[in-house]
Protein backbone atom coordinates (compact mmCIF):
# COMPACT_ATOMS: atom_id res chain seq x y z
CA MET A 1 0.00 0.00 0.00
CA ARG A 2 1.24 3.49 -0.89
CA ILE A 3 0.05 6.55 1.00
CA ALA A 4 0.68 10.09 -0.21
CA VAL A 5 0.68 12.85 2.41
CA ASN A 6 -0.04 16.30 1.02
CA PHE A 7 2.35 18.70 2.80
CA GLU A 8 1.96 22.44 2.25
CA ASN A 9 3.21 23.94 5.53
CA LEU A 10 6.24 26.07 6.36
CA PRO A 11 7.39 27.33 9.80
CA GLN A 12 5.50 30.61 9.37
CA ASP A 13 2.25 28.62 9.34
CA GLY A 14 2.55 28.25 13.10
CA GLY A 15 0.89 25.41 14.98
CA ALA A 16 -0.18 23.56 11.84
CA PHE A 17 3.44 23.25 10.76
CA HIS A 18 4.61 21.88 14.11
CA GLU A 19 1.74 19.41 14.31
CA ASN A 20 2.53 18.11 10.82
CA ILE A 21 6.25 17.81 11.51
CA LEU A 22 5.34 15.61 14.47
CA LEU A 23 3.14 13.48 12.21
CA ILE A 24 6.16 12.82 10.00
CA GLU A 25 7.85 11.07 12.93
CA VAL A 26 4.68 9.11 13.71
CA PHE A 27 4.31 8.03 10.09
CA LYS A 28 7.97 6.97 9.88
CA GLU A 29 7.42 4.65 12.82
CA PHE A 30 4.22 3.37 11.25
CA GLU A 31 5.99 2.76 7.92
CA LYS A 32 8.63 0.63 9.64
CA LYS A 33 6.12 -1.67 11.32
CA ASN A 34 3.68 -2.10 8.43
CA ASN A 35 3.99 -3.02 4.78
CA ILE A 36 3.19 0.54 3.75
CA GLU A 37 5.17 3.16 1.83
CA ILE A 38 4.59 6.84 2.63
CA LEU A 39 5.42 9.63 0.19
CA TYR A 40 4.92 13.38 0.53
CA ILE A 41 3.21 15.49 -2.14
CA VAL A 42 4.82 18.93 -2.39
CA SER A 43 4.21 21.91 -4.65
CA ASN A 44 6.77 24.25 -3.17
CA LYS A 45 10.56 23.96 -3.45
CA LYS A 46 11.09 25.20 0.11
CA VAL A 47 8.77 22.54 1.47
CA GLU A 48 10.46 19.93 -0.71
CA LYS A 49 13.88 20.89 0.68
CA LEU A 50 12.60 20.83 4.26
CA LEU A 51 11.14 17.35 3.86
CA LYS A 52 14.20 15.95 2.11
CA GLU A 53 16.29 17.15 5.05
CA LYS A 54 14.01 14.99 7.20
CA LYS A 55 14.68 11.99 4.94
CA CYS A 56 11.16 11.94 3.49
CA LYS A 57 10.35 10.67 0.02
CA THR A 58 8.74 13.47 -1.96
CA ILE A 59 6.78 13.68 -5.20
CA PHE A 60 6.33 17.09 -6.79
CA PHE A 61 2.92 18.18 -8.04
CA GLU A 62 3.09 21.26 -10.26
CA LYS A 63 0.32 23.74 -9.47
CA LYS A 64 1.48 26.38 -11.95
CA ARG A 65 0.20 24.53 -14.99
CA VAL A 66 -2.69 26.23 -16.78
CA ILE A 67 -4.73 23.03 -16.98
CA PHE A 68 -4.53 22.62 -13.20
CA LYS A 69 -5.63 26.20 -12.59
CA ILE A 70 -8.59 25.80 -14.94
CA GLN A 71 -9.68 22.50 -13.41
CA ASN A 72 -9.09 23.74 -9.87
CA PHE A 73 -11.53 26.57 -10.62
CA LEU A 74 -14.12 24.51 -12.46
CA TYR A 75 -14.18 21.68 -9.92
CA LYS A 76 -15.60 24.07 -7.36
CA PHE A 77 -18.88 23.73 -9.25
CA ILE A 78 -20.79 20.53 -8.54
CA PHE A 79 -22.30 20.42 -12.00
CA PHE A 80 -18.86 20.38 -13.66
CA ARG A 81 -17.65 17.62 -11.34
CA TYR A 82 -20.77 15.62 -12.13
CA ILE A 83 -20.26 15.93 -15.90
CA LEU A 84 -16.59 14.88 -15.75
CA THR A 85 -17.41 11.94 -13.50
CA LYS A 86 -20.12 10.79 -15.88
CA LEU A 87 -17.69 11.05 -18.79
CA LYS A 88 -15.04 9.22 -16.72
CA ILE A 89 -12.54 12.04 -17.24
CA SER A 90 -9.92 12.39 -14.51
CA ASN A 91 -8.51 15.75 -13.47
CA VAL A 92 -4.76 16.35 -13.40
CA PHE A 93 -4.44 15.68 -9.68
CA GLU A 94 -6.29 12.37 -9.91
CA LYS A 95 -4.11 11.37 -12.88
CA PHE A 96 -1.00 12.33 -10.90
CA ILE A 97 -2.07 10.18 -7.96
CA LYS A 98 -2.93 7.21 -10.16
CA GLN A 99 0.33 7.48 -12.14
CA LYS A 100 2.25 7.30 -8.85
CA ASN A 101 0.26 4.20 -7.84
CA ILE A 102 -1.02 5.90 -4.70
CA ASN A 103 -3.78 4.04 -2.84
CA LEU A 104 -4.67 6.62 -0.20
CA VAL A 105 -4.15 10.39 0.02
CA PHE A 106 -3.74 12.07 3.41
CA PHE A 107 -4.41 15.81 3.56
CA ASN A 108 -2.87 17.25 6.73
CA ASN A 109 -5.03 20.36 6.38
CA PRO A 110 -8.35 21.24 4.67
CA SER A 111 -6.61 21.60 1.31
CA GLU A 112 -8.57 22.68 -1.76
CA LEU A 113 -6.85 19.78 -3.55
CA SER A 114 -9.41 17.63 -1.78
CA ILE A 115 -12.01 19.06 -4.20
CA LEU A 116 -10.02 17.40 -7.01
CA SER A 117 -9.99 14.11 -5.08
CA TYR A 118 -13.62 13.27 -5.78
CA ASN A 119 -12.73 9.82 -7.14
CA LEU A 120 -9.86 9.11 -4.73
CA LEU A 121 -9.75 7.50 -1.31
CA TYR A 122 -8.58 10.21 1.06
CA VAL A 123 -8.30 11.21 4.71
CA ILE A 124 -8.37 14.88 5.68
CA VAL A 125 -7.52 16.84 8.84
CA PHE A 126 -10.10 19.48 9.69
CA TYR A 127 -9.30 22.50 11.88
CA GLU A 128 -12.37 24.66 12.52
CA LEU A 129 -15.52 26.11 10.94
CA GLN A 130 -15.85 29.37 12.82
CA HIS A 131 -16.02 31.30 9.58
CA LEU A 132 -19.76 30.80 10.03
CA GLN A 133 -19.78 32.77 13.28
CA HIS A 134 -17.04 35.30 12.49
CA ASN A 135 -17.55 35.77 8.76
CA TYR A 136 -16.61 39.46 9.14
CA LEU A 137 -12.95 38.68 9.84
CA PRO A 138 -10.51 39.74 7.08
CA GLU A 139 -8.92 36.29 6.89
CA TYR A 140 -12.31 34.83 6.00
CA LYS A 141 -13.22 37.65 3.61
CA SER A 142 -9.98 37.95 1.66
CA TYR A 143 -9.58 36.18 -1.68
CA HIS A 144 -13.05 34.63 -1.33
CA SER A 145 -11.74 32.56 1.57
CA PHE A 146 -15.24 32.16 3.06
CA ASP A 147 -16.66 30.71 -0.15
CA LEU A 148 -13.67 28.41 -0.62
CA ARG A 149 -13.99 27.12 2.95
CA GLU A 150 -17.64 26.34 2.35
CA ILE A 151 -16.86 24.45 -0.86
CA VAL A 152 -14.04 22.45 0.75
CA ILE A 153 -16.04 21.54 3.86
CA LYS A 154 -19.19 20.58 1.96
CA ASN A 155 -17.08 18.42 -0.34
CA LEU A 156 -14.97 16.69 2.32
CA THR A 157 -17.98 15.79 4.49
CA LYS A 158 -19.44 13.92 1.52
CA THR A 159 -16.38 12.42 -0.17
CA ALA A 160 -13.64 11.88 2.46
CA PHE A 161 -12.98 8.38 3.73
CA LYS A 162 -12.17 9.76 7.20
CA ILE A 163 -12.12 13.26 8.72
CA VAL A 164 -9.76 13.92 11.63
CA THR A 165 -10.72 16.62 14.14
CA CYS A 166 -9.04 17.68 17.37
CA VAL A 167 -12.04 17.90 19.72
CA GLU A 168 -15.60 16.64 20.09
CA LYS A 169 -17.05 20.13 19.65
CA ASP A 170 -15.82 20.34 16.05
CA LYS A 171 -17.12 16.84 15.35
CA TYR A 172 -20.52 17.91 16.64
CA LEU A 173 -20.55 21.08 14.51
CA LEU A 174 -19.58 19.17 11.36
CA GLN A 175 -22.57 16.95 11.97
CA LYS A 176 -24.89 19.83 12.85
CA TYR A 177 -24.11 22.23 10.00
CA TYR A 178 -22.87 19.90 7.24
CA ASN A 179 -24.63 16.60 8.00
CA ALA A 180 -21.32 14.78 8.33
CA ILE A 181 -21.59 11.10 9.23
CA ALA A 182 -20.35 10.50 12.78
CA GLU A 183 -18.62 7.23 11.87
CA LYS A 184 -16.43 9.08 9.37
CA ILE A 185 -15.04 11.47 12.00
CA VAL A 186 -12.05 10.53 14.16
CA VAL A 187 -11.32 12.75 17.16
CA GLN A 188 -7.56 12.93 17.61
CA PRO A 189 -6.07 15.70 19.82
CA PHE A 190 -3.35 17.58 17.97
CA VAL A 191 -0.05 17.09 19.75
CA SER A 192 2.74 19.63 20.10
CA ARG A 193 6.41 18.81 19.54
CA LEU A 194 7.61 21.16 22.30
CA PRO A 195 7.14 18.76 25.25
CA LEU A 196 9.11 16.10 23.36
CA ILE A 197 11.86 18.58 22.54
CA PHE A 198 11.95 19.73 26.17
CA GLU A 199 12.32 16.17 27.43
CA GLU A 200 15.23 15.65 25.05
CA ASP A 201 16.94 19.02 25.69
CA ASN A 202 16.17 19.55 29.38
CA LYS A 203 19.47 18.14 30.63
CA LYS A 204 21.69 19.91 28.10
CA THR A 205 19.92 23.28 27.78
CA ASN A 206 19.81 25.94 30.47
CA PHE A 207 16.43 27.47 29.75
CA LYS A 208 16.83 30.15 32.40
CA ASP A 209 20.02 31.40 30.75
CA LEU A 210 18.31 31.26 27.37
CA PHE A 211 15.50 33.39 28.78
CA LYS A 212 18.01 35.96 30.01
CA LYS A 213 19.81 35.97 26.65
CA MET A 214 16.56 37.20 25.14
CA ASP A 215 17.03 40.31 27.32
CA LEU A 216 14.21 39.23 29.60
CA ASP A 217 14.14 39.73 33.37
CA ILE A 218 13.62 36.50 35.29
CA ASN A 219 11.81 38.45 38.03
CA GLN A 220 9.41 40.25 35.70
CA LYS A 221 5.81 39.05 35.35
CA TYR A 222 5.33 38.39 31.64
CA LEU A 223 1.97 37.72 30.02
CA PHE A 224 2.74 35.42 27.11
CA TYR A 225 0.73 35.24 23.88
CA PRO A 226 2.39 32.97 21.27
CA ALA A 227 0.21 33.64 18.23
CA GLN A 228 0.64 34.81 14.67
CA PHE A 229 -0.74 38.26 14.01
CA TRP A 230 -4.05 37.26 12.46
CA PRO A 231 -7.00 39.55 13.22
CA HIS A 232 -8.87 36.64 14.84
CA LYS A 233 -6.10 36.30 17.42
CA ASN A 234 -7.42 39.54 18.92
CA HIS A 235 -4.15 41.01 20.21
CA ARG A 236 -6.05 44.28 20.48
CA TYR A 237 -7.87 43.01 23.57
CA ILE A 238 -4.61 42.64 25.48
CA ILE A 239 -3.49 46.14 24.48
CA ASP A 240 -6.77 47.66 25.65
CA SER A 241 -6.57 45.66 28.86
CA MET A 242 -3.02 46.85 29.50
CA ASN A 243 -4.16 50.41 28.90
CA TYR A 244 -6.64 49.92 31.73
CA ILE A 245 -4.08 48.19 33.97
CA VAL A 246 -1.26 50.69 33.45
CA ASN A 247 -2.94 54.01 32.73
CA GLU A 248 -6.07 53.73 34.83
CA LYS A 249 -5.15 51.39 37.67
CA LYS A 250 -1.49 52.56 37.73
CA ILE A 251 -0.23 48.98 38.00
CA ASN A 252 3.21 48.47 36.46
CA ASP A 253 3.80 44.83 37.40
CA PHE A 254 3.19 43.19 34.03
CA LYS A 255 4.70 43.12 30.58
CA VAL A 256 3.35 41.40 27.48
CA ILE A 257 5.25 39.17 25.07
CA PHE A 258 3.89 38.77 21.55
CA CYS A 259 5.61 36.45 19.07
CA GLY A 260 4.76 35.10 15.65
CA PHE A 261 4.71 35.96 11.97
CA ASP A 262 2.91 39.09 10.85
CA LYS A 263 -0.39 38.66 9.01
CA PHE A 264 -2.52 41.32 7.34
CA LYS A 265 -0.01 43.98 8.50
CA GLN A 266 -1.35 43.63 12.01
CA LYS A 267 1.93 44.23 13.81
CA ASN A 268 2.31 47.87 12.73
CA PHE A 269 -1.36 48.48 13.47
CA LEU A 270 -0.94 47.13 17.00
CA LYS A 271 2.29 49.05 17.61
CA LYS A 272 0.57 52.32 16.70
CA ILE A 273 -2.13 51.68 19.30
CA ILE A 274 0.52 50.85 21.89
CA GLU A 275 2.39 54.08 21.13
CA LYS A 276 -0.82 56.10 21.22
CA ASN A 277 -1.45 54.87 24.77
CA ASN A 278 2.21 55.28 25.86
CA LEU A 279 2.56 51.56 26.53
CA GLN A 280 5.82 50.94 24.64
CA ASP A 281 7.63 49.89 27.82
CA TYR A 282 5.10 47.15 28.48
CA PHE A 283 5.15 45.24 25.20
CA LEU A 284 7.81 43.07 23.59
CA PHE A 285 7.51 41.81 20.00
CA PHE A 286 9.45 38.80 18.80
CA ASP A 287 9.40 37.38 15.31
CA TYR A 288 9.95 33.69 14.76
CA LEU A 289 11.56 32.07 17.81
CA THR A 290 13.42 28.77 18.13
CA ASP A 291 11.72 25.87 19.88
CA ASP A 292 14.01 26.22 22.89
CA GLN A 293 13.31 29.95 23.15
CA ILE A 294 9.56 29.30 23.20
CA ILE A 295 10.06 26.63 25.84
CA SER A 296 11.99 29.10 27.98
CA LEU A 297 9.03 31.51 27.72
CA TYR A 298 6.61 28.82 28.86
CA LEU A 299 8.86 28.01 31.80
CA HIS A 300 9.37 31.58 33.02
CA SER A 301 6.27 33.56 32.07
CA HIS A 302 3.62 34.51 34.59
CA CYS A 303 0.71 33.17 32.57
CA LEU A 304 -0.55 32.43 29.07
CA VAL A 305 -3.15 34.89 27.77
CA MET A 306 -5.24 33.91 24.72
CA PRO A 307 -8.13 36.25 23.86
CA THR A 308 -8.66 34.56 20.49
CA LEU A 309 -11.99 34.70 18.68
CA VAL A 310 -11.46 31.36 16.97
CA GLY A 311 -10.51 27.92 18.20
CA HIS A 312 -12.18 25.22 20.28
CA TYR A 313 -8.66 24.07 21.13
CA SER A 314 -5.16 25.52 20.80
CA LEU A 315 -1.66 24.08 20.59
CA PRO A 316 -0.28 26.84 22.89
CA LEU A 317 -3.00 25.94 25.38
CA PHE A 318 -1.95 22.28 25.29
CA GLU A 319 1.66 23.37 25.70
CA SER A 320 0.72 25.44 28.75
CA PHE A 321 -0.89 22.33 30.25
CA TYR A 322 2.37 20.44 29.89
CA PHE A 323 4.59 23.25 31.20
CA LYS A 324 2.21 24.04 34.08
CA LEU A 325 1.67 27.64 33.03
CA PRO A 326 -1.69 29.13 34.10
CA ALA A 327 -3.83 29.75 31.01
CA ILE A 328 -6.31 32.58 30.57
CA PHE A 329 -8.53 31.81 27.58
CA THR A 330 -11.62 33.26 25.89
CA SER A 331 -14.76 32.25 27.79
CA ASN A 332 -17.28 29.80 26.32
CA LEU A 333 -15.10 29.04 23.31
CA LEU A 334 -13.13 25.92 24.16
CA ASP A 335 -14.34 22.35 23.91
CA ASN A 336 -16.08 21.29 27.12
CA SER A 337 -13.22 18.95 27.98
CA LEU A 338 -10.77 21.88 28.18
CA GLN A 339 -12.65 24.75 29.83
CA LYS A 340 -12.10 23.66 33.43
CA TYR A 341 -8.33 23.89 33.03
CA THR A 342 -8.37 27.61 32.23
CA TRP A 343 -9.35 30.95 33.72
CA GLU A 344 -12.06 32.11 31.32
CA LEU A 345 -11.81 35.62 29.93
CA ASP A 346 -14.71 37.96 29.15
CA LEU A 347 -13.75 39.68 25.89
CA ASN A 348 -16.47 42.28 26.37
CA ASP A 349 -14.75 43.59 29.49
CA ASN A 350 -11.22 45.01 29.26
CA LYS A 351 -11.03 44.96 33.06
CA ASP A 352 -11.44 41.20 33.18
CA LEU A 353 -7.83 40.37 32.32
CA LEU A 354 -6.64 42.05 35.52
CA LYS A 355 -9.36 40.23 37.48
CA LYS A 356 -8.19 36.88 36.14
CA ILE A 357 -4.52 37.61 36.87
CA GLU A 358 -5.42 38.66 40.42
CA GLU A 359 -7.52 35.52 40.80
CA ILE A 360 -4.55 33.39 39.80
CA ASP A 361 -2.19 35.22 42.13
CA SER A 362 -4.51 35.41 45.13
CA ASP A 363 -5.44 31.73 45.37
CA GLN A 364 -2.32 29.62 45.06
CA THR A 365 -4.15 26.46 46.14
CA LYS A 366 -6.67 26.77 43.31
CA LYS A 367 -3.90 27.70 40.87
CA LYS A 368 -1.88 24.60 41.76
CA GLN A 369 -4.94 22.38 41.56
CA ILE A 370 -5.89 23.60 38.08
CA ILE A 371 -2.42 23.46 36.54
CA ASP A 372 -1.74 20.04 38.11
CA GLU A 373 -5.01 18.66 36.76
CA ALA A 374 -4.27 20.20 33.36
CA HIS A 375 -0.86 18.51 33.37
CA ILE A 376 -2.45 15.13 34.19
CA PHE A 377 -5.02 15.70 31.42
CA TYR A 378 -2.19 16.36 28.97
CA ASN A 379 -0.28 13.23 29.99
CA ASN A 380 -3.40 11.09 29.64
CA ASN A 381 -4.58 12.40 26.27
CA PHE A 382 -1.54 13.52 24.29
CA LYS A 383 0.57 10.41 24.07
CA LEU A 384 2.34 9.61 20.82
CA GLN A 385 1.12 6.04 21.02
CA ASN A 386 -2.47 7.34 20.94
CA ILE A 387 -1.79 9.22 17.70
CA TYR A 388 0.01 6.22 16.28
CA LYS A 389 -2.87 3.88 17.14
CA ASN A 390 -5.56 6.17 15.70
CA TYR A 391 -3.77 6.61 12.38
CA GLU A 392 -2.86 2.93 12.27
CA ASN A 393 -6.55 2.09 12.61
CA ILE A 394 -7.44 4.51 9.79
CA PHE A 395 -4.75 3.30 7.40
CA LEU A 396 -5.31 -0.40 8.06
CA GLU A 397 -9.06 0.01 7.60
CA ALA A 398 -8.35 1.68 4.26
CA LYS A 399 -5.97 -1.13 3.33
CA LYS A 400 -8.61 -3.73 4.16
CA ILE A 401 -11.18 -1.92 2.02
CA LEU A 402 -8.78 -1.60 -0.92
CA ASN A 403 -8.10 -5.33 -0.78
CA MET A 404 -11.79 -6.03 -1.44
CA TRP A 405 -11.52 -5.27 -5.18
CA SER A 406 -8.94 -4.95 -7.95
CA GLN A 407 -7.08 -1.65 -8.08
CA ASP A 408 -6.26 -2.10 -11.77
CA LYS A 409 -8.00 0.46 -13.96
């Protein structure tokens, strides 16, 4: 059996990239123990180079061809797909997959290539569908992103062999809004690489020294927000909250650390607001950080603050569970299984961030109880063997199905 994994991510894609790099290691282990060959579909030379450095077998699919662009556009219309299927005409992606003798395609994100996979057996990872609730956000409006999301989701719920989601809440919403079949959906928590890296590097890396080398004060109370600068990440809330804390309450105890790639020119927009409110001394901006640098921030920050508008789960949240960092997260957003491990934040009240910080600081017993329980939850639910077993079950079920009929065309 040959499986092709579609890989489109680079480091600037944030959590999705790190999750998919971890999957490479899981799939390598799976490949060793089963009679299965795994290749990686790439359409970007940088991605191809990155994967070859990780000793992955790659196959290059050219997206710049005119025929692909035409078909990629036309396949978004159900009528056109229906006509081609009736005429038994394969699109260029299907032909590519068949020429490479691929039996199963694995999309590690909701790729629009899945629309061209109508006649293929494929598994797809699904992130979120909050474009329905927050359709006003620029990232959902730009380049017809909302419409494309709708087309991809409606297609994958009908044609995917399996859909992988991180939490039960997203499984429920796929069923509610898109009539997805429950048996098709596999709930698999997305696992971060950072805990594994920490366990490997802990003895040889002095994370406190690394923290200091970033010109950070070990005695300062830092509020940490590791998120790319998408509008839905809602960095603005933290700035407005700090304006209240510093300029109205005259509290100078806290500083904020932002890190991540800039999106939609948000960083300059945010910096102007900070300057307008004379808060420059209370905010630090980092671009892309190394894994060890991020670990040092988890180990020595005061708390994680995530006022995001989108996400029923979050890799930084899971990382905070592991590193025992108190997490302040948007209220009524997370999956039910996660809410009790956070201090929930009212985004309609800029005073609430200070309330939550004071709540954490004033009740050390409750703080210890929550972060200890969160750590136990992480250890119980984010084991590599769990990921391995779930994907093994998916791939072996596919293999069994494929063995039921001839694959010769």
